[in-house]
Amino acid sequence: MANGHDDVPPPDHADPETSRHFVTRISQGDTAAFEQLYTTLYPELLRAAVRLLHSRELAEEVVQDVFVWVWSHRNQWTVRTTVRAYLHGAVRYRAATVIRAEMISQDIEDGDDEDAAGHSEPQLQPDEMVDTTDLQGAILTAIRTLPDRQREAVILWARHQMSMVELGEALGISHVAARKLLLKAQAKLQAVIDLSEHS
């Protein structure tokens, strides 16, 4: 059902005004606007997700999840830049979540293998960590110990080279809050680097 808006124009990906138009229509439950947005942007979002995940099946799930989330939260959906930038940021965020989940699963599996073989090592304290591993390993370990939101911010910013505006859109916060979140995480990681340099 088109809710009387069959003449909704195709989105201009670089035009904030057109983006506001679509956000307004979709927030009002306009299925025609949502379907047109989906039809227009789905192909490029899928390509972006495939590049990140190297799996079409996972990429399709990620993009579908993003559109489902938008429609489910249409009443409070806000976009500060453009719809295209928002959705690309959301896809990168979802993809990063999938990648992180796979990394964590692999870490758990590796740890189980070590336990089974009787080779598990005791948990190291921060001052011991840099003595037994290289800097890259220390940083990766430090990233895993960050609070969830800080870890997400670091992964998105580093892996996908997001701007603060894009990072904020992906995390659902302002770009100022995203910058503060990232700075807190970077301060903790810098402490690891400083420690390794003086060990």
N, C-alpha and C. Protein backbone atom coordinates (compact mmCIF):
# COMPACT_ATOMS: atom_id res chain seq x y z
N MET A 1 0.86 -1.20 0.00
CA MET A 1 0.00 0.00 0.00
C MET A 1 0.88 1.23 0.00
N ALA A 2 0.65 2.18 -0.91
CA ALA A 2 1.56 3.30 -1.09
C ALA A 2 1.22 4.52 -0.26
N ASN A 3 0.10 4.51 0.47
CA ASN A 3 -0.29 5.62 1.32
C ASN A 3 -0.41 6.93 0.56
N GLY A 4 -0.73 6.88 -0.75
CA GLY A 4 -0.97 8.08 -1.52
C GLY A 4 0.26 8.83 -1.94
N HIS A 5 1.46 8.19 -1.89
CA HIS A 5 2.69 8.87 -2.25
C HIS A 5 3.40 8.12 -3.38
N ASP A 6 2.64 7.75 -4.43
CA ASP A 6 3.22 7.01 -5.54
C ASP A 6 4.24 7.82 -6.31
N ASP A 7 4.21 9.17 -6.15
CA ASP A 7 5.10 10.02 -6.92
C ASP A 7 6.38 10.36 -6.16
N VAL A 8 6.71 9.59 -5.10
CA VAL A 8 7.94 9.84 -4.34
C VAL A 8 9.13 9.73 -5.28
N PRO A 9 9.96 10.78 -5.37
CA PRO A 9 11.08 10.75 -6.31
C PRO A 9 12.19 9.82 -5.83
N PRO A 10 13.03 9.34 -6.76
CA PRO A 10 14.16 8.51 -6.34
C PRO A 10 15.12 9.35 -5.53
N PRO A 11 15.81 8.75 -4.56
CA PRO A 11 16.68 9.54 -3.70
C PRO A 11 17.93 10.05 -4.39
N ASP A 12 18.25 11.31 -4.14
CA ASP A 12 19.53 11.87 -4.56
C ASP A 12 20.50 11.58 -3.42
N HIS A 13 21.43 10.65 -3.64
CA HIS A 13 22.28 10.16 -2.56
C HIS A 13 23.09 11.25 -1.89
N ALA A 14 23.37 12.35 -2.60
CA ALA A 14 24.22 13.40 -2.04
C ALA A 14 23.42 14.60 -1.54
N ASP A 15 22.11 14.51 -1.54
CA ASP A 15 21.27 15.66 -1.20
C ASP A 15 20.60 15.47 0.16
N PRO A 16 21.04 16.23 1.18
CA PRO A 16 20.43 16.11 2.51
C PRO A 16 18.93 16.42 2.51
N GLU A 17 18.51 17.36 1.66
CA GLU A 17 17.09 17.73 1.63
C GLU A 17 16.24 16.55 1.17
N THR A 18 16.70 15.87 0.11
CA THR A 18 15.97 14.69 -0.35
C THR A 18 15.97 13.61 0.72
N SER A 19 17.09 13.49 1.43
CA SER A 19 17.17 12.51 2.51
C SER A 19 16.15 12.81 3.60
N ARG A 20 16.03 14.08 3.96
CA ARG A 20 15.04 14.46 4.97
C ARG A 20 13.62 14.14 4.49
N HIS A 21 13.40 14.34 3.19
CA HIS A 21 12.10 14.02 2.61
C HIS A 21 11.78 12.54 2.80
N PHE A 22 12.76 11.69 2.49
CA PHE A 22 12.53 10.25 2.61
C PHE A 22 12.38 9.82 4.06
N VAL A 23 13.20 10.37 4.94
CA VAL A 23 13.09 10.03 6.35
C VAL A 23 11.72 10.41 6.88
N THR A 24 11.23 11.57 6.50
CA THR A 24 9.90 12.02 6.94
C THR A 24 8.82 11.07 6.44
N ARG A 25 8.87 10.73 5.15
CA ARG A 25 7.85 9.83 4.57
C ARG A 25 7.89 8.46 5.25
N ILE A 26 9.09 7.94 5.42
CA ILE A 26 9.22 6.60 6.01
C ILE A 26 8.78 6.62 7.46
N SER A 27 9.13 7.68 8.19
CA SER A 27 8.73 7.77 9.59
C SER A 27 7.21 7.82 9.73
N GLN A 28 6.51 8.25 8.66
CA GLN A 28 5.05 8.29 8.66
C GLN A 28 4.43 6.97 8.17
N GLY A 29 5.30 5.98 7.91
CA GLY A 29 4.79 4.68 7.48
C GLY A 29 4.55 4.55 6.01
N ASP A 30 5.19 5.40 5.20
CA ASP A 30 5.00 5.39 3.74
C ASP A 30 5.79 4.21 3.14
N THR A 31 5.08 3.13 2.82
CA THR A 31 5.75 1.95 2.29
C THR A 31 6.32 2.17 0.90
N ALA A 32 5.70 3.05 0.11
CA ALA A 32 6.20 3.33 -1.23
C ALA A 32 7.59 3.97 -1.16
N ALA A 33 7.78 4.92 -0.24
CA ALA A 33 9.07 5.56 -0.06
C ALA A 33 10.10 4.55 0.41
N PHE A 34 9.71 3.70 1.35
CA PHE A 34 10.64 2.69 1.87
C PHE A 34 11.04 1.69 0.78
N GLU A 35 10.06 1.22 0.02
CA GLU A 35 10.35 0.27 -1.05
C GLU A 35 11.25 0.88 -2.12
N GLN A 36 11.02 2.16 -2.42
CA GLN A 36 11.85 2.82 -3.42
C GLN A 36 13.28 3.00 -2.91
N LEU A 37 13.40 3.33 -1.65
CA LEU A 37 14.72 3.45 -1.04
C LEU A 37 15.44 2.10 -1.07
N TYR A 38 14.71 1.05 -0.70
CA TYR A 38 15.28 -0.30 -0.70
C TYR A 38 15.74 -0.69 -2.10
N THR A 39 14.88 -0.50 -3.09
CA THR A 39 15.20 -0.88 -4.47
C THR A 39 16.41 -0.12 -5.00
N THR A 40 16.50 1.16 -4.65
CA THR A 40 17.57 2.00 -5.16
C THR A 40 18.92 1.69 -4.52
N LEU A 41 18.93 1.50 -3.20
CA LEU A 41 20.20 1.39 -2.48
C LEU A 41 20.64 -0.03 -2.17
N TYR A 42 19.74 -0.99 -2.23
CA TYR A 42 20.10 -2.36 -1.87
C TYR A 42 21.31 -2.88 -2.67
N PRO A 43 21.36 -2.73 -4.00
CA PRO A 43 22.49 -3.30 -4.75
C PRO A 43 23.85 -2.79 -4.30
N GLU A 44 23.98 -1.48 -4.10
CA GLU A 44 25.29 -0.95 -3.72
C GLU A 44 25.64 -1.29 -2.28
N LEU A 45 24.63 -1.37 -1.42
CA LEU A 45 24.88 -1.77 -0.04
C LEU A 45 25.32 -3.23 0.02
N LEU A 46 24.71 -4.06 -0.81
CA LEU A 46 25.10 -5.47 -0.86
C LEU A 46 26.55 -5.61 -1.33
N ARG A 47 26.92 -4.86 -2.37
CA ARG A 47 28.31 -4.92 -2.86
C ARG A 47 29.29 -4.50 -1.77
N ALA A 48 28.94 -3.45 -1.04
CA ALA A 48 29.81 -2.98 0.04
C ALA A 48 29.95 -4.05 1.12
N ALA A 49 28.85 -4.71 1.47
CA ALA A 49 28.88 -5.74 2.50
C ALA A 49 29.68 -6.96 2.04
N VAL A 50 29.56 -7.33 0.78
CA VAL A 50 30.32 -8.46 0.25
C VAL A 50 31.81 -8.18 0.32
N ARG A 51 32.20 -6.94 0.00
CA ARG A 51 33.62 -6.57 0.07
C ARG A 51 34.15 -6.70 1.50
N LEU A 52 33.32 -6.40 2.46
CA LEU A 52 33.76 -6.46 3.86
C LEU A 52 33.78 -7.88 4.40
N LEU A 53 32.78 -8.66 4.03
CA LEU A 53 32.59 -9.98 4.64
C LEU A 53 33.09 -11.15 3.78
N HIS A 54 33.30 -10.89 2.48
CA HIS A 54 33.73 -11.95 1.54
C HIS A 54 32.77 -13.14 1.55
N SER A 55 31.50 -12.84 1.76
CA SER A 55 30.47 -13.87 1.76
C SER A 55 29.16 -13.22 1.35
N ARG A 56 28.60 -13.67 0.22
CA ARG A 56 27.34 -13.08 -0.23
C ARG A 56 26.20 -13.40 0.74
N GLU A 57 26.21 -14.60 1.28
CA GLU A 57 25.14 -15.00 2.20
C GLU A 57 25.13 -14.11 3.44
N LEU A 58 26.31 -13.91 4.05
CA LEU A 58 26.39 -13.05 5.23
C LEU A 58 26.05 -11.61 4.87
N ALA A 59 26.52 -11.17 3.69
CA ALA A 59 26.26 -9.80 3.25
C ALA A 59 24.76 -9.55 3.08
N GLU A 60 24.06 -10.50 2.48
CA GLU A 60 22.62 -10.36 2.31
C GLU A 60 21.92 -10.24 3.66
N GLU A 61 22.36 -11.04 4.63
CA GLU A 61 21.75 -10.98 5.96
C GLU A 61 22.00 -9.63 6.61
N VAL A 62 23.21 -9.12 6.45
CA VAL A 62 23.56 -7.82 7.05
C VAL A 62 22.70 -6.71 6.47
N VAL A 63 22.59 -6.65 5.14
CA VAL A 63 21.82 -5.58 4.51
C VAL A 63 20.33 -5.71 4.85
N GLN A 64 19.83 -6.92 4.83
CA GLN A 64 18.43 -7.12 5.22
C GLN A 64 18.19 -6.66 6.65
N ASP A 65 19.12 -6.99 7.55
CA ASP A 65 18.98 -6.58 8.95
C ASP A 65 18.92 -5.06 9.08
N VAL A 66 19.73 -4.38 8.28
CA VAL A 66 19.75 -2.92 8.33
C VAL A 66 18.40 -2.35 7.92
N PHE A 67 17.84 -2.84 6.81
CA PHE A 67 16.55 -2.33 6.35
C PHE A 67 15.42 -2.70 7.31
N VAL A 68 15.49 -3.90 7.87
CA VAL A 68 14.48 -4.30 8.86
C VAL A 68 14.54 -3.38 10.07
N TRP A 69 15.77 -3.06 10.50
CA TRP A 69 15.92 -2.16 11.65
C TRP A 69 15.33 -0.79 11.34
N VAL A 70 15.62 -0.26 10.15
CA VAL A 70 15.11 1.06 9.77
C VAL A 70 13.58 1.08 9.82
N TRP A 71 12.96 0.07 9.23
CA TRP A 71 11.50 0.06 9.20
C TRP A 71 10.92 -0.15 10.60
N SER A 72 11.55 -1.00 11.40
CA SER A 72 11.05 -1.26 12.74
C SER A 72 11.19 -0.04 13.65
N HIS A 73 12.18 0.80 13.37
CA HIS A 73 12.43 1.98 14.20
C HIS A 73 12.10 3.28 13.45
N ARG A 74 11.23 3.20 12.47
CA ARG A 74 10.97 4.36 11.61
C ARG A 74 10.44 5.56 12.37
N ASN A 75 9.71 5.31 13.47
CA ASN A 75 9.13 6.42 14.22
C ASN A 75 10.17 7.30 14.89
N GLN A 76 11.35 6.70 15.22
CA GLN A 76 12.40 7.49 15.85
C GLN A 76 13.68 7.55 15.01
N TRP A 77 13.55 7.20 13.72
CA TRP A 77 14.71 7.20 12.83
C TRP A 77 15.14 8.63 12.51
N THR A 78 16.40 8.94 12.76
CA THR A 78 16.94 10.26 12.45
C THR A 78 18.21 10.10 11.63
N VAL A 79 18.42 11.00 10.68
CA VAL A 79 19.60 10.98 9.82
C VAL A 79 20.19 12.38 9.81
N ARG A 80 21.46 12.50 10.15
CA ARG A 80 22.10 13.82 10.25
C ARG A 80 22.84 14.21 8.97
N THR A 81 23.15 13.23 8.13
CA THR A 81 23.85 13.54 6.88
C THR A 81 22.93 13.25 5.71
N THR A 82 23.10 12.10 5.06
CA THR A 82 22.19 11.66 4.00
C THR A 82 21.79 10.21 4.27
N VAL A 83 20.69 9.80 3.66
CA VAL A 83 20.24 8.42 3.83
C VAL A 83 21.31 7.44 3.35
N ARG A 84 21.93 7.78 2.23
CA ARG A 84 22.96 6.90 1.68
C ARG A 84 24.13 6.74 2.66
N ALA A 85 24.62 7.85 3.20
CA ALA A 85 25.73 7.78 4.16
C ALA A 85 25.32 7.01 5.41
N TYR A 86 24.11 7.26 5.86
CA TYR A 86 23.61 6.56 7.06
C TYR A 86 23.57 5.05 6.84
N LEU A 87 22.99 4.62 5.72
CA LEU A 87 22.83 3.20 5.48
C LEU A 87 24.18 2.52 5.24
N HIS A 88 25.10 3.20 4.56
CA HIS A 88 26.43 2.62 4.39
C HIS A 88 27.13 2.48 5.74
N GLY A 89 26.97 3.48 6.59
CA GLY A 89 27.54 3.38 7.93
C GLY A 89 26.92 2.25 8.73
N ALA A 90 25.62 2.09 8.61
CA ALA A 90 24.93 1.01 9.33
C ALA A 90 25.39 -0.36 8.83
N VAL A 91 25.59 -0.49 7.52
CA VAL A 91 26.07 -1.76 6.96
C VAL A 91 27.48 -2.05 7.47
N ARG A 92 28.34 -1.03 7.48
CA ARG A 92 29.71 -1.24 7.99
C ARG A 92 29.67 -1.66 9.45
N TYR A 93 28.79 -1.03 10.22
CA TYR A 93 28.67 -1.36 11.63
C TYR A 93 28.21 -2.82 11.81
N ARG A 94 27.19 -3.21 11.08
CA ARG A 94 26.69 -4.59 11.18
C ARG A 94 27.76 -5.59 10.74
N ALA A 95 28.45 -5.25 9.67
CA ALA A 95 29.50 -6.15 9.17
C ALA A 95 30.61 -6.29 10.20
N ALA A 96 30.99 -5.16 10.82
CA ALA A 96 32.04 -5.21 11.84
C ALA A 96 31.60 -6.06 13.02
N THR A 97 30.32 -6.00 13.37
CA THR A 97 29.80 -6.82 14.46
C THR A 97 29.91 -8.30 14.11
N VAL A 98 29.59 -8.64 12.86
CA VAL A 98 29.71 -10.03 12.42
C VAL A 98 31.17 -10.48 12.45
N ILE A 99 32.06 -9.63 11.96
CA ILE A 99 33.49 -9.97 11.94
C ILE A 99 34.00 -10.16 13.36
N ARG A 100 33.62 -9.25 14.26
CA ARG A 100 34.08 -9.35 15.64
C ARG A 100 33.55 -10.63 16.29
N ALA A 101 32.29 -10.98 16.03
CA ALA A 101 31.72 -12.19 16.59
C ALA A 101 32.48 -13.42 16.12
N GLU A 102 32.87 -13.41 14.84
CA GLU A 102 33.62 -14.55 14.31
C GLU A 102 35.01 -14.61 14.93
N MET A 103 35.63 -13.44 15.15
CA MET A 103 36.95 -13.39 15.78
C MET A 103 36.88 -13.92 17.20
N ILE A 104 35.85 -13.49 17.94
CA ILE A 104 35.69 -13.94 19.31
C ILE A 104 35.44 -15.44 19.36
N SER A 105 34.59 -15.93 18.43
CA SER A 105 34.33 -17.38 18.37
C SER A 105 35.60 -18.15 18.09
N GLN A 106 36.43 -17.61 17.18
CA GLN A 106 37.69 -18.28 16.86
C GLN A 106 38.62 -18.28 18.06
N ASP A 107 38.65 -17.16 18.79
CA ASP A 107 39.48 -17.09 20.00
C ASP A 107 39.05 -18.13 21.01
N ILE A 108 37.72 -18.28 21.17
CA ILE A 108 37.20 -19.26 22.12
C ILE A 108 37.57 -20.67 21.68
N GLU A 109 37.42 -20.95 20.37
CA GLU A 109 37.77 -22.26 19.86
C GLU A 109 39.25 -22.55 20.04
N ASP A 110 40.09 -21.55 19.77
CA ASP A 110 41.53 -21.73 19.96
C ASP A 110 41.85 -21.98 21.42
N GLY A 111 41.16 -21.25 22.30
CA GLY A 111 41.39 -21.45 23.72
C GLY A 111 40.97 -22.83 24.17
N ASP A 112 39.84 -23.32 23.63
CA ASP A 112 39.39 -24.67 23.97
C ASP A 112 40.39 -25.70 23.50
N ASP A 113 40.97 -25.49 22.31
CA ASP A 113 41.96 -26.42 21.80
C ASP A 113 43.18 -26.46 22.70
N GLU A 114 43.61 -25.30 23.19
CA GLU A 114 44.77 -25.25 24.07
C GLU A 114 44.48 -25.94 25.38
N ASP A 115 43.27 -25.72 25.91
CA ASP A 115 42.91 -26.37 27.16
C ASP A 115 42.90 -27.88 27.02
N ALA A 116 42.36 -28.33 25.87
CA ALA A 116 42.29 -29.77 25.65
C ALA A 116 43.67 -30.38 25.53
N ALA A 117 44.61 -29.60 24.99
CA ALA A 117 45.95 -30.12 24.81
C ALA A 117 46.82 -29.91 26.06
N GLY A 118 46.25 -29.23 27.06
CA GLY A 118 47.02 -29.00 28.27
C GLY A 118 48.03 -27.89 28.14
N HIS A 119 47.82 -26.98 27.18
CA HIS A 119 48.78 -25.92 26.94
C HIS A 119 48.23 -24.54 27.26
N SER A 120 47.15 -24.45 27.99
CA SER A 120 46.60 -23.14 28.29
C SER A 120 47.55 -22.38 29.20
N GLU A 121 47.62 -21.06 28.99
CA GLU A 121 48.52 -20.23 29.76
C GLU A 121 47.74 -19.39 30.75
N PRO A 122 48.33 -19.04 31.88
CA PRO A 122 47.63 -18.21 32.86
C PRO A 122 47.37 -16.83 32.30
N GLN A 123 46.32 -16.18 32.78
CA GLN A 123 46.00 -14.83 32.32
C GLN A 123 47.09 -13.87 32.78
N LEU A 124 47.55 -13.03 31.86
CA LEU A 124 48.65 -12.13 32.16
C LEU A 124 48.14 -10.80 32.68
N GLN A 125 48.92 -10.20 33.57
CA GLN A 125 48.65 -8.86 34.02
C GLN A 125 49.18 -7.88 32.98
N PRO A 126 48.68 -6.63 32.93
CA PRO A 126 49.11 -5.67 31.91
C PRO A 126 50.61 -5.48 31.85
N ASP A 127 51.30 -5.48 33.02
CA ASP A 127 52.75 -5.24 33.00
C ASP A 127 53.52 -6.46 32.52
N GLU A 128 52.87 -7.62 32.49
CA GLU A 128 53.53 -8.82 32.00
C GLU A 128 53.26 -9.05 30.52
N MET A 129 52.15 -8.49 30.04
CA MET A 129 51.70 -8.78 28.69
C MET A 129 52.73 -8.39 27.65
N VAL A 130 53.30 -7.18 27.75
CA VAL A 130 54.21 -6.72 26.72
C VAL A 130 55.55 -7.43 26.78
N ASP A 131 55.82 -8.15 27.88
CA ASP A 131 57.07 -8.89 27.97
C ASP A 131 57.00 -10.21 27.22
N THR A 132 55.82 -10.68 26.92
CA THR A 132 55.67 -12.01 26.34
C THR A 132 55.04 -12.00 24.96
N THR A 133 54.77 -10.83 24.40
CA THR A 133 54.16 -10.75 23.08
C THR A 133 54.64 -9.50 22.38
N ASP A 134 54.51 -9.44 21.08
CA ASP A 134 54.92 -8.24 20.36
C ASP A 134 53.87 -7.15 20.50
N LEU A 135 54.18 -5.96 19.99
CA LEU A 135 53.29 -4.82 20.17
C LEU A 135 51.93 -5.05 19.55
N GLN A 136 51.91 -5.63 18.34
CA GLN A 136 50.63 -5.87 17.67
C GLN A 136 49.74 -6.77 18.51
N GLY A 137 50.35 -7.83 19.04
CA GLY A 137 49.57 -8.74 19.88
C GLY A 137 49.07 -8.05 21.14
N ALA A 138 49.90 -7.17 21.70
CA ALA A 138 49.49 -6.45 22.90
C ALA A 138 48.32 -5.53 22.61
N ILE A 139 48.38 -4.85 21.47
CA ILE A 139 47.29 -3.94 21.11
C ILE A 139 46.00 -4.72 20.87
N LEU A 140 46.09 -5.84 20.15
CA LEU A 140 44.90 -6.66 19.90
C LEU A 140 44.29 -7.14 21.21
N THR A 141 45.17 -7.53 22.15
CA THR A 141 44.68 -7.97 23.45
C THR A 141 44.01 -6.82 24.18
N ALA A 142 44.62 -5.63 24.09
CA ALA A 142 44.04 -4.45 24.74
C ALA A 142 42.69 -4.10 24.14
N ILE A 143 42.56 -4.22 22.82
CA ILE A 143 41.28 -3.93 22.17
C ILE A 143 40.19 -4.85 22.68
N ARG A 144 40.54 -6.12 22.88
CA ARG A 144 39.54 -7.08 23.36
C ARG A 144 39.08 -6.77 24.77
N THR A 145 39.90 -6.06 25.55
CA THR A 145 39.53 -5.75 26.93
C THR A 145 38.78 -4.43 27.06
N LEU A 146 38.64 -3.68 25.96
CA LEU A 146 37.91 -2.42 26.02
C LEU A 146 36.43 -2.67 26.28
N PRO A 147 35.73 -1.72 26.89
CA PRO A 147 34.27 -1.81 26.99
C PRO A 147 33.67 -1.96 25.60
N ASP A 148 32.51 -2.57 25.52
CA ASP A 148 31.91 -2.92 24.22
C ASP A 148 31.82 -1.73 23.27
N ARG A 149 31.31 -0.61 23.76
CA ARG A 149 31.11 0.54 22.86
C ARG A 149 32.43 1.12 22.39
N GLN A 150 33.43 1.16 23.27
CA GLN A 150 34.74 1.65 22.86
C GLN A 150 35.37 0.71 21.84
N ARG A 151 35.21 -0.59 22.05
CA ARG A 151 35.77 -1.57 21.12
C ARG A 151 35.10 -1.44 19.75
N GLU A 152 33.79 -1.27 19.74
CA GLU A 152 33.08 -1.09 18.48
C GLU A 152 33.56 0.16 17.75
N ALA A 153 33.76 1.24 18.50
CA ALA A 153 34.21 2.49 17.89
C ALA A 153 35.59 2.32 17.25
N VAL A 154 36.50 1.66 17.96
CA VAL A 154 37.86 1.45 17.43
C VAL A 154 37.83 0.59 16.18
N ILE A 155 37.05 -0.49 16.21
CA ILE A 155 36.98 -1.41 15.07
C ILE A 155 36.42 -0.69 13.84
N LEU A 156 35.33 0.03 14.02
CA LEU A 156 34.71 0.73 12.89
C LEU A 156 35.64 1.80 12.34
N TRP A 157 36.24 2.57 13.22
CA TRP A 157 37.11 3.67 12.79
C TRP A 157 38.37 3.15 12.09
N ALA A 158 38.99 2.12 12.65
CA ALA A 158 40.24 1.61 12.11
C ALA A 158 40.03 0.76 10.86
N ARG A 159 39.04 -0.12 10.92
CA ARG A 159 38.85 -1.05 9.81
C ARG A 159 38.23 -0.37 8.60
N HIS A 160 37.32 0.57 8.83
CA HIS A 160 36.56 1.15 7.72
C HIS A 160 36.86 2.63 7.49
N GLN A 161 37.82 3.18 8.24
CA GLN A 161 38.28 4.55 8.03
C GLN A 161 37.11 5.54 8.02
N MET A 162 36.26 5.41 9.03
CA MET A 162 35.08 6.28 9.12
C MET A 162 35.45 7.67 9.61
N SER A 163 34.70 8.66 9.16
CA SER A 163 34.78 9.99 9.74
C SER A 163 34.01 9.96 11.06
N MET A 164 34.15 11.05 11.85
CA MET A 164 33.43 11.10 13.12
C MET A 164 31.91 11.14 12.88
N VAL A 165 31.49 11.79 11.82
CA VAL A 165 30.06 11.84 11.50
C VAL A 165 29.56 10.44 11.16
N GLU A 166 30.31 9.72 10.31
CA GLU A 166 29.91 8.35 9.93
C GLU A 166 29.93 7.43 11.14
N LEU A 167 30.95 7.59 11.99
CA LEU A 167 31.04 6.76 13.19
C LEU A 167 29.86 7.01 14.11
N GLY A 168 29.50 8.27 14.26
CA GLY A 168 28.34 8.59 15.08
C GLY A 168 27.06 8.00 14.52
N GLU A 169 26.90 8.09 13.20
CA GLU A 169 25.71 7.51 12.57
C GLU A 169 25.66 6.00 12.80
N ALA A 170 26.79 5.33 12.65
CA ALA A 170 26.83 3.88 12.81
C ALA A 170 26.53 3.46 14.24
N LEU A 171 26.98 4.26 15.20
CA LEU A 171 26.78 3.92 16.61
C LEU A 171 25.48 4.48 17.17
N GLY A 172 24.80 5.32 16.38
CA GLY A 172 23.55 5.90 16.84
C GLY A 172 23.74 7.01 17.85
N ILE A 173 24.88 7.73 17.77
CA ILE A 173 25.16 8.83 18.68
C ILE A 173 25.64 10.03 17.88
N SER A 174 25.84 11.16 18.52
CA SER A 174 26.33 12.34 17.82
C SER A 174 27.80 12.17 17.47
N HIS A 175 28.28 12.98 16.53
CA HIS A 175 29.69 12.88 16.16
C HIS A 175 30.59 13.34 17.31
N VAL A 176 30.08 14.25 18.15
CA VAL A 176 30.86 14.68 19.32
C VAL A 176 31.01 13.53 20.31
N ALA A 177 29.92 12.82 20.57
CA ALA A 177 29.97 11.67 21.48
C ALA A 177 30.85 10.57 20.90
N ALA A 178 30.80 10.39 19.58
CA ALA A 178 31.63 9.36 18.94
C ALA A 178 33.10 9.70 19.11
N ARG A 179 33.45 10.97 18.95
CA ARG A 179 34.84 11.41 19.12
C ARG A 179 35.32 11.17 20.55
N LYS A 180 34.49 11.50 21.53
CA LYS A 180 34.86 11.28 22.93
C LYS A 180 35.06 9.80 23.22
N LEU A 181 34.17 8.97 22.66
CA LEU A 181 34.27 7.52 22.85
C LEU A 181 35.58 6.99 22.28
N LEU A 182 35.91 7.46 21.08
CA LEU A 182 37.13 7.01 20.41
C LEU A 182 38.37 7.49 21.16
N LEU A 183 38.35 8.71 21.64
CA LEU A 183 39.50 9.25 22.37
C LEU A 183 39.76 8.47 23.65
N LYS A 184 38.71 8.06 24.34
CA LYS A 184 38.87 7.25 25.55
C LYS A 184 39.54 5.92 25.21
N ALA A 185 39.08 5.29 24.13
CA ALA A 185 39.66 4.01 23.72
C ALA A 185 41.11 4.18 23.30
N GLN A 186 41.39 5.24 22.54
CA GLN A 186 42.75 5.47 22.07
C GLN A 186 43.70 5.74 23.22
N ALA A 187 43.22 6.41 24.26
CA ALA A 187 44.06 6.68 25.43
C ALA A 187 44.48 5.38 26.09
N LYS A 188 43.57 4.43 26.18
CA LYS A 188 43.90 3.14 26.78
C LYS A 188 44.89 2.37 25.92
N LEU A 189 44.69 2.43 24.59
CA LEU A 189 45.61 1.73 23.70
C LEU A 189 46.98 2.40 23.70
N GLN A 190 47.01 3.72 23.81
CA GLN A 190 48.28 4.42 23.86
C GLN A 190 49.06 4.02 25.11
N ALA A 191 48.36 3.76 26.20
CA ALA A 191 49.03 3.32 27.41
C ALA A 191 49.76 2.00 27.19
N VAL A 192 49.15 1.11 26.39
CA VAL A 192 49.80 -0.15 26.07
C VAL A 192 51.07 0.09 25.26
N ILE A 193 50.99 0.99 24.27
CA ILE A 193 52.14 1.30 23.43
C ILE A 193 53.26 1.91 24.26
N ASP A 194 52.92 2.84 25.14
CA ASP A 194 53.92 3.48 25.99
C ASP A 194 54.59 2.46 26.89
N LEU A 195 53.80 1.53 27.41
CA LEU A 195 54.34 0.51 28.28
C LEU A 195 55.32 -0.39 27.55
N SER A 196 54.98 -0.73 26.30
CA SER A 196 55.85 -1.61 25.52
C SER A 196 57.17 -0.91 25.16
N GLU A 197 57.11 0.38 24.95
CA GLU A 197 58.31 1.13 24.57
C GLU A 197 59.29 1.27 25.72
N HIS A 198 58.79 1.18 26.95
CA HIS A 198 59.65 1.38 28.12
C HIS A 198 59.91 0.07 28.87
N SER A 199 59.50 -1.04 28.27
CA SER A 199 59.69 -2.32 28.94
C SER A 199 61.08 -2.86 28.68
